[in-house]
Amino acid sequence: EDEMGQLGLVENDYAWITQRIKEVAQRHA
């Protein structure tokens, strides 16, 4: 919905990306 760019992510994608980052942080950090 953001007209600044032309990519097609939605809220669920941000939640998924954050979850993957969180898992990396839990494993190593």
PDB file of all heavy atoms in Angstrom:
ATOM      1  N   GLU A   1       0.816  -1.221   0.000  1.00  0.00           N
ATOM      2  CA  GLU A   1       0.000   0.000   0.000  1.00  0.00           C
ATOM      3  C   GLU A   1       0.848   1.270   0.000  1.00  0.00           C
ATOM      4  O   GLU A   1       0.309   2.370  -0.083  1.00  0.00           O
ATOM      5  CB  GLU A   1      -0.935   0.004   1.218  1.00  0.00           C
ATOM      6  CG  GLU A   1      -2.010  -1.056   1.154  1.00  0.00           C
ATOM      7  CD  GLU A   1      -2.783  -1.168   2.464  1.00  0.00           C
ATOM      8  OE1 GLU A   1      -2.834  -0.175   3.229  1.00  0.00           O
ATOM      9  OE2 GLU A   1      -3.327  -2.257   2.727  1.00  0.00           O
ATOM     10  N   ASP A   2       2.171   1.119   0.120  1.00  0.00           N
ATOM     11  CA  ASP A   2       3.053   2.284   0.209  1.00  0.00           C
ATOM     12  C   ASP A   2       3.486   2.704  -1.183  1.00  0.00           C
ATOM     13  O   ASP A   2       4.170   1.960  -1.888  1.00  0.00           O
ATOM     14  CB  ASP A   2       4.270   1.955   1.077  1.00  0.00           C
ATOM     15  CG  ASP A   2       4.979   3.202   1.570  1.00  0.00           C
ATOM     16  OD1 ASP A   2       5.291   4.082   0.731  1.00  0.00           O
ATOM     17  OD2 ASP A   2       5.215   3.310   2.784  1.00  0.00           O
ATOM     18  N   GLU A   3       3.110   3.908  -1.558  1.00  0.00           N
ATOM     19  CA  GLU A   3       3.385   4.366  -2.929  1.00  0.00           C
ATOM     20  C   GLU A   3       4.815   4.852  -3.124  1.00  0.00           C
ATOM     21  O   GLU A   3       5.209   5.189  -4.239  1.00  0.00           O
ATOM     22  CB  GLU A   3       2.381   5.457  -3.324  1.00  0.00           C
ATOM     23  CG  GLU A   3       0.976   4.906  -3.423  1.00  0.00           C
ATOM     24  CD  GLU A   3      -0.050   5.935  -3.870  1.00  0.00           C
ATOM     25  OE1 GLU A   3       0.341   7.112  -4.076  1.00  0.00           O
ATOM     26  OE2 GLU A   3      -1.221   5.565  -3.994  1.00  0.00           O
ATOM     27  N   MET A   4       5.603   4.873  -2.056  1.00  0.00           N
ATOM     28  CA  MET A   4       7.014   5.264  -2.195  1.00  0.00           C
ATOM     29  C   MET A   4       7.784   4.220  -3.000  1.00  0.00           C
ATOM     30  O   MET A   4       8.744   4.545  -3.684  1.00  0.00           O
ATOM     31  CB  MET A   4       7.634   5.441  -0.807  1.00  0.00           C
ATOM     32  CG  MET A   4       9.013   6.045  -0.815  1.00  0.00           C
ATOM     33  SD  MET A   4       9.054   7.762  -1.361  1.00  0.00           S
ATOM     34  CE  MET A   4       8.600   8.619   0.149  1.00  0.00           C
ATOM     35  N   GLY A   5       7.368   2.960  -2.903  1.00  0.00           N
ATOM     36  CA  GLY A   5       8.017   1.885  -3.652  1.00  0.00           C
ATOM     37  C   GLY A   5       6.991   1.040  -4.376  1.00  0.00           C
ATOM     38  O   GLY A   5       5.788   1.331  -4.338  1.00  0.00           O
ATOM     39  N   GLN A   6       7.468  -0.014  -5.022  1.00  0.00           N
ATOM     40  CA  GLN A   6       6.558  -0.880  -5.772  1.00  0.00           C
ATOM     41  C   GLN A   6       6.722  -2.351  -5.399  1.00  0.00           C
ATOM     42  O   GLN A   6       6.603  -3.233  -6.256  1.00  0.00           O
ATOM     43  CB  GLN A   6       6.781  -0.720  -7.285  1.00  0.00           C
ATOM     44  CG  GLN A   6       6.305   0.599  -7.856  1.00  0.00           C
ATOM     45  CD  GLN A   6       7.366   1.683  -7.774  1.00  0.00           C
ATOM     46  OE1 GLN A   6       8.535   1.431  -7.986  1.00  0.00           O
ATOM     47  NE2 GLN A   6       6.946   2.901  -7.447  1.00  0.00           N
ATOM     48  N   LEU A   7       7.026  -2.625  -4.126  1.00  0.00           N
ATOM     49  CA  LEU A   7       7.074  -4.018  -3.694  1.00  0.00           C
ATOM     50  C   LEU A   7       5.739  -4.415  -3.060  1.00  0.00           C
ATOM     51  O   LEU A   7       4.901  -3.561  -2.779  1.00  0.00           O
ATOM     52  CB  LEU A   7       8.238  -4.257  -2.727  1.00  0.00           C
ATOM     53  CG  LEU A   7       9.636  -4.079  -3.326  1.00  0.00           C
ATOM     54  CD1 LEU A   7      10.715  -4.509  -2.341  1.00  0.00           C
ATOM     55  CD2 LEU A   7       9.800  -4.845  -4.639  1.00  0.00           C
ATOM     56  N   GLY A   8       5.548  -5.717  -2.849  1.00  0.00           N
ATOM     57  CA  GLY A   8       4.229  -6.225  -2.479  1.00  0.00           C
ATOM     58  C   GLY A   8       4.157  -6.911  -1.134  1.00  0.00           C
ATOM     59  O   GLY A   8       3.442  -7.898  -0.978  1.00  0.00           O
ATOM     60  N   LEU A   9       4.876  -6.399  -0.124  1.00  0.00           N
ATOM     61  CA  LEU A   9       4.813  -7.028   1.194  1.00  0.00           C
ATOM     62  C   LEU A   9       3.558  -6.585   1.949  1.00  0.00           C
ATOM     63  O   LEU A   9       2.992  -5.524   1.662  1.00  0.00           O
ATOM     64  CB  LEU A   9       6.058  -6.690   2.013  1.00  0.00           C
ATOM     65  CG  LEU A   9       7.276  -7.598   1.777  1.00  0.00           C
ATOM     66  CD1 LEU A   9       7.817  -7.443   0.372  1.00  0.00           C
ATOM     67  CD2 LEU A   9       8.373  -7.308   2.796  1.00  0.00           C
ATOM     68  N   VAL A  10       3.133  -7.430   2.902  1.00  0.00           N
ATOM     69  CA  VAL A  10       2.015  -7.100   3.787  1.00  0.00           C
ATOM     70  C   VAL A  10       2.459  -7.352   5.228  1.00  0.00           C
ATOM     71  O   VAL A  10       3.568  -7.835   5.469  1.00  0.00           O
ATOM     72  CB  VAL A  10       0.758  -7.915   3.449  1.00  0.00           C
ATOM     73  CG1 VAL A  10       0.233  -7.546   2.062  1.00  0.00           C
ATOM     74  CG2 VAL A  10       1.035  -9.413   3.538  1.00  0.00           C
ATOM     75  N   GLU A  11       1.571  -7.061   6.189  1.00  0.00           N
ATOM     76  CA  GLU A  11       1.916  -7.177   7.602  1.00  0.00           C
ATOM     77  C   GLU A  11       2.450  -8.567   7.952  1.00  0.00           C
ATOM     78  O   GLU A  11       3.405  -8.696   8.719  1.00  0.00           O
ATOM     79  CB  GLU A  11       0.701  -6.881   8.491  1.00  0.00           C
ATOM     80  CG  GLU A  11       0.204  -5.448   8.415  1.00  0.00           C
ATOM     81  CD  GLU A  11      -0.856  -5.240   7.353  1.00  0.00           C
ATOM     82  OE1 GLU A  11      -0.649  -5.664   6.193  1.00  0.00           O
ATOM     83  OE2 GLU A  11      -1.886  -4.646   7.674  1.00  0.00           O
ATOM     84  N   ASN A  12       1.823  -9.607   7.410  1.00  0.00           N
ATOM     85  CA  ASN A  12       2.254 -10.975   7.726  1.00  0.00           C
ATOM     86  C   ASN A  12       3.697 -11.232   7.301  1.00  0.00           C
ATOM     87  O   ASN A  12       4.401 -12.019   7.940  1.00  0.00           O
ATOM     88  CB  ASN A  12       1.332 -12.007   7.056  1.00  0.00           C
ATOM     89  CG  ASN A  12       0.047 -12.203   7.837  1.00  0.00           C
ATOM     90  OD1 ASN A  12      -0.034 -11.799   8.993  1.00  0.00           O
ATOM     91  ND2 ASN A  12      -0.952 -12.810   7.213  1.00  0.00           N
ATOM     92  N   ASP A  13       4.115 -10.581   6.225  1.00  0.00           N
ATOM     93  CA  ASP A  13       5.505 -10.739   5.783  1.00  0.00           C
ATOM     94  C   ASP A  13       6.467 -10.106   6.802  1.00  0.00           C
ATOM     95  O   ASP A  13       7.515 -10.681   7.108  1.00  0.00           O
ATOM     96  CB  ASP A  13       5.712 -10.103   4.407  1.00  0.00           C
ATOM     97  CG  ASP A  13       4.897 -10.800   3.335  1.00  0.00           C
ATOM     98  OD1 ASP A  13       4.927 -12.044   3.285  1.00  0.00           O
ATOM     99  OD2 ASP A  13       4.219 -10.103   2.561  1.00  0.00           O
ATOM    100  N   TYR A  14       6.098  -8.936   7.323  1.00  0.00           N
ATOM    101  CA  TYR A  14       6.956  -8.296   8.325  1.00  0.00           C
ATOM    102  C   TYR A  14       7.013  -9.135   9.603  1.00  0.00           C
ATOM    103  O   TYR A  14       8.068  -9.242  10.247  1.00  0.00           O
ATOM    104  CB  TYR A  14       6.479  -6.874   8.616  1.00  0.00           C
ATOM    105  CG  TYR A  14       6.735  -5.934   7.462  1.00  0.00           C
ATOM    106  CD1 TYR A  14       5.694  -5.335   6.770  1.00  0.00           C
ATOM    107  CD2 TYR A  14       8.045  -5.671   7.042  1.00  0.00           C
ATOM    108  CE1 TYR A  14       5.934  -4.487   5.693  1.00  0.00           C
ATOM    109  CE2 TYR A  14       8.293  -4.825   5.968  1.00  0.00           C
ATOM    110  CZ  TYR A  14       7.238  -4.240   5.301  1.00  0.00           C
ATOM    111  OH  TYR A  14       7.482  -3.418   4.239  1.00  0.00           O
ATOM    112  N   ALA A  15       5.871  -9.733   9.967  1.00  0.00           N
ATOM    113  CA  ALA A  15       5.869 -10.611  11.145  1.00  0.00           C
ATOM    114  C   ALA A  15       6.775 -11.822  10.905  1.00  0.00           C
ATOM    115  O   ALA A  15       7.561 -12.213  11.785  1.00  0.00           O
ATOM    116  CB  ALA A  15       4.443 -11.065  11.449  1.00  0.00           C
ATOM    117  N   TRP A  16       6.694 -12.388   9.714  1.00  0.00           N
ATOM    118  CA  TRP A  16       7.515 -13.565   9.372  1.00  0.00           C
ATOM    119  C   TRP A  16       9.004 -13.216   9.395  1.00  0.00           C
ATOM    120  O   TRP A  16       9.813 -13.943   9.969  1.00  0.00           O
ATOM    121  CB  TRP A  16       7.117 -14.094   7.994  1.00  0.00           C
ATOM    122  CG  TRP A  16       7.829 -15.351   7.581  1.00  0.00           C
ATOM    123  CD1 TRP A  16       7.421 -16.642   7.785  1.00  0.00           C
ATOM    124  CD2 TRP A  16       9.090 -15.436   6.888  1.00  0.00           C
ATOM    125  NE1 TRP A  16       8.346 -17.523   7.262  1.00  0.00           N
ATOM    126  CE2 TRP A  16       9.379 -16.819   6.716  1.00  0.00           C
ATOM    127  CE3 TRP A  16       9.998 -14.492   6.410  1.00  0.00           C
ATOM    128  CZ2 TRP A  16      10.539 -17.258   6.074  1.00  0.00           C
ATOM    129  CZ3 TRP A  16      11.160 -14.932   5.788  1.00  0.00           C
ATOM    130  CH2 TRP A  16      11.421 -16.299   5.617  1.00  0.00           C
ATOM    131  N   ILE A  17       9.365 -12.081   8.768  1.00  0.00           N
ATOM    132  CA  ILE A  17      10.774 -11.654   8.733  1.00  0.00           C
ATOM    133  C   ILE A  17      11.280 -11.420  10.161  1.00  0.00           C
ATOM    134  O   ILE A  17      12.386 -11.855  10.523  1.00  0.00           O
ATOM    135  CB  ILE A  17      10.940 -10.375   7.884  1.00  0.00           C
ATOM    136  CG1 ILE A  17      10.633 -10.665   6.403  1.00  0.00           C
ATOM    137  CG2 ILE A  17      12.355  -9.816   8.024  1.00  0.00           C
ATOM    138  CD1 ILE A  17      10.463  -9.405   5.559  1.00  0.00           C
ATOM    139  N   THR A  18      10.456 -10.745  10.972  1.00  0.00           N
ATOM    140  CA  THR A  18      10.856 -10.467  12.351  1.00  0.00           C
ATOM    141  C   THR A  18      11.056 -11.762  13.127  1.00  0.00           C
ATOM    142  O   THR A  18      12.003 -11.888  13.917  1.00  0.00           O
ATOM    143  CB  THR A  18       9.803  -9.574  13.047  1.00  0.00           C
ATOM    144  OG1 THR A  18       9.550  -8.424  12.230  1.00  0.00           O
ATOM    145  CG2 THR A  18      10.287  -9.117  14.410  1.00  0.00           C
ATOM    146  N   GLN A  19      10.173 -12.737  12.886  1.00  0.00           N
ATOM    147  CA  GLN A  19      10.303 -14.030  13.569  1.00  0.00           C
ATOM    148  C   GLN A  19      11.619 -14.718  13.189  1.00  0.00           C
ATOM    149  O   GLN A  19      12.314 -15.276  14.051  1.00  0.00           O
ATOM    150  CB  GLN A  19       9.112 -14.929  13.224  1.00  0.00           C
ATOM    151  CG  GLN A  19       9.094 -16.258  13.962  1.00  0.00           C
ATOM    152  CD  GLN A  19       8.997 -16.082  15.477  1.00  0.00           C
ATOM    153  OE1 GLN A  19       8.206 -15.277  15.963  1.00  0.00           O
ATOM    154  NE2 GLN A  19       9.811 -16.820  16.227  1.00  0.00           N
ATOM    155  N   ARG A  20      11.978 -14.670  11.912  1.00  0.00           N
ATOM    156  CA  ARG A  20      13.243 -15.295  11.468  1.00  0.00           C
ATOM    157  C   ARG A  20      14.443 -14.591  12.118  1.00  0.00           C
ATOM    158  O   ARG A  20      15.391 -15.244  12.550  1.00  0.00           O
ATOM    159  CB  ARG A  20      13.369 -15.228   9.939  1.00  0.00           C
ATOM    160  CG  ARG A  20      12.456 -16.169   9.194  1.00  0.00           C
ATOM    161  CD  ARG A  20      12.778 -17.642   9.493  1.00  0.00           C
ATOM    162  NE  ARG A  20      11.759 -18.531   8.977  1.00  0.00           N
ATOM    163  CZ  ARG A  20      10.617 -18.825   9.585  1.00  0.00           C
ATOM    164  NH1 ARG A  20      10.326 -18.273  10.755  1.00  0.00           N
ATOM    165  NH2 ARG A  20       9.752 -19.649   9.049  1.00  0.00           N
ATOM    166  N   ILE A  21      14.392 -13.268  12.156  1.00  0.00           N
ATOM    167  CA  ILE A  21      15.478 -12.512  12.790  1.00  0.00           C
ATOM    168  C   ILE A  21      15.553 -12.865  14.277  1.00  0.00           C
ATOM    169  O   ILE A  21      16.649 -13.054  14.827  1.00  0.00           O
ATOM    170  CB  ILE A  21      15.261 -10.993  12.611  1.00  0.00           C
ATOM    171  CG1 ILE A  21      15.317 -10.607  11.127  1.00  0.00           C
ATOM    172  CG2 ILE A  21      16.303 -10.195  13.399  1.00  0.00           C
ATOM    173  CD1 ILE A  21      14.853  -9.180  10.834  1.00  0.00           C
ATOM    174  N   LYS A  22      14.394 -12.956  14.906  1.00  0.00           N
ATOM    175  CA  LYS A  22      14.341 -13.271  16.335  1.00  0.00           C
ATOM    176  C   LYS A  22      14.950 -14.645  16.612  1.00  0.00           C
ATOM    177  O   LYS A  22      15.679 -14.830  17.597  1.00  0.00           O
ATOM    178  CB  LYS A  22      12.892 -13.203  16.815  1.00  0.00           C
ATOM    179  CG  LYS A  22      12.741 -13.185  18.327  1.00  0.00           C
ATOM    180  CD  LYS A  22      11.296 -12.950  18.719  1.00  0.00           C
ATOM    181  CE  LYS A  22      11.148 -12.969  20.234  1.00  0.00           C
ATOM    182  NZ  LYS A  22       9.744 -12.768  20.647  1.00  0.00           N
ATOM    183  N   GLU A  23      14.681 -15.606  15.723  1.00  0.00           N
ATOM    184  CA  GLU A  23      15.242 -16.954  15.897  1.00  0.00           C
ATOM    185  C   GLU A  23      16.762 -16.933  15.778  1.00  0.00           C
ATOM    186  O   GLU A  23      17.460 -17.614  16.539  1.00  0.00           O
ATOM    187  CB  GLU A  23      14.613 -17.907  14.877  1.00  0.00           C
ATOM    188  CG  GLU A  23      13.156 -18.238  15.208  1.00  0.00           C
ATOM    189  CD  GLU A  23      12.399 -18.812  14.015  1.00  0.00           C
ATOM    190  OE1 GLU A  23      13.031 -19.066  12.947  1.00  0.00           O
ATOM    191  OE2 GLU A  23      11.166 -18.998  14.139  1.00  0.00           O
ATOM    192  N   VAL A  24      17.279 -16.138  14.838  1.00  0.00           N
ATOM    193  CA  VAL A  24      18.741 -15.988  14.718  1.00  0.00           C
ATOM    194  C   VAL A  24      19.313 -15.401  16.009  1.00  0.00           C
ATOM    195  O   VAL A  24      20.319 -15.876  16.544  1.00  0.00           O
ATOM    196  CB  VAL A  24      19.108 -15.098  13.504  1.00  0.00           C
ATOM    197  CG1 VAL A  24      20.576 -14.700  13.538  1.00  0.00           C
ATOM    198  CG2 VAL A  24      18.790 -15.821  12.191  1.00  0.00           C
ATOM    199  N   ALA A  25      18.649 -14.354  16.510  1.00  0.00           N
ATOM    200  CA  ALA A  25      19.120 -13.704  17.738  1.00  0.00           C
ATOM    201  C   ALA A  25      19.061 -14.652  18.931  1.00  0.00           C
ATOM    202  O   ALA A  25      19.945 -14.632  19.797  1.00  0.00           O
ATOM    203  CB  ALA A  25      18.302 -12.444  18.013  1.00  0.00           C
ATOM    204  N   GLN A  26      18.045 -15.487  18.968  1.00  0.00           N
ATOM    205  CA  GLN A  26      17.941 -16.447  20.076  1.00  0.00           C
ATOM    206  C   GLN A  26      19.034 -17.515  19.987  1.00  0.00           C
ATOM    207  O   GLN A  26      19.568 -17.947  21.007  1.00  0.00           O
ATOM    208  CB  GLN A  26      16.539 -17.076  20.090  1.00  0.00           C
ATOM    209  CG  GLN A  26      15.486 -16.115  20.641  1.00  0.00           C
ATOM    210  CD  GLN A  26      14.054 -16.547  20.343  1.00  0.00           C
ATOM    211  OE1 GLN A  26      13.806 -17.338  19.432  1.00  0.00           O
ATOM    212  NE2 GLN A  26      13.117 -16.008  21.107  1.00  0.00           N
ATOM    213  N   ARG A  27      19.374 -17.909  18.762  1.00  0.00           N
ATOM    214  CA  ARG A  27      20.412 -18.941  18.592  1.00  0.00           C
ATOM    215  C   ARG A  27      21.797 -18.420  18.969  1.00  0.00           C
ATOM    216  O   ARG A  27      22.604 -19.154  19.539  1.00  0.00           O
ATOM    217  CB  ARG A  27      20.446 -19.437  17.131  1.00  0.00           C
ATOM    218  CG  ARG A  27      19.335 -20.404  16.778  1.00  0.00           C
ATOM    219  CD  ARG A  27      19.636 -21.169  15.493  1.00  0.00           C
ATOM    220  NE  ARG A  27      19.648 -20.356  14.293  1.00  0.00           N
ATOM    221  CZ  ARG A  27      18.548 -20.026  13.594  1.00  0.00           C
ATOM    222  NH1 ARG A  27      17.348 -20.390  14.016  1.00  0.00           N
ATOM    223  NH2 ARG A  27      18.661 -19.317  12.483  1.00  0.00           N
ATOM    224  N   HIS A  28      22.085 -17.175  18.619  1.00  0.00           N
ATOM    225  CA  HIS A  28      23.469 -16.697  18.703  1.00  0.00           C
ATOM    226  C   HIS A  28      23.689 -15.499  19.622  1.00  0.00           C
ATOM    227  O   HIS A  28      24.823 -15.246  20.023  1.00  0.00           O
ATOM    228  CB  HIS A  28      23.967 -16.317  17.306  1.00  0.00           C
ATOM    229  CG  HIS A  28      23.819 -17.403  16.292  1.00  0.00           C
ATOM    230  ND1 HIS A  28      24.531 -18.573  16.355  1.00  0.00           N
ATOM    231  CD2 HIS A  28      23.015 -17.495  15.195  1.00  0.00           C
ATOM    232  CE1 HIS A  28      24.188 -19.351  15.328  1.00  0.00           C
ATOM    233  NE2 HIS A  28      23.275 -18.716  14.623  1.00  0.00           N
ATOM    234  N   ALA A  29      22.632 -14.734  19.910  1.00  0.00           N
ATOM    235  CA  ALA A  29      22.821 -13.416  20.526  1.00  0.00           C
ATOM    236  C   ALA A  29      22.021 -13.232  21.814  1.00  0.00           C
ATOM    237  O   ALA A  29      21.746 -12.096  22.208  1.00  0.00           O
ATOM    238  CB  ALA A  29      22.441 -12.327  19.514  1.00  0.00           C
TER     239      ALA A  29
END
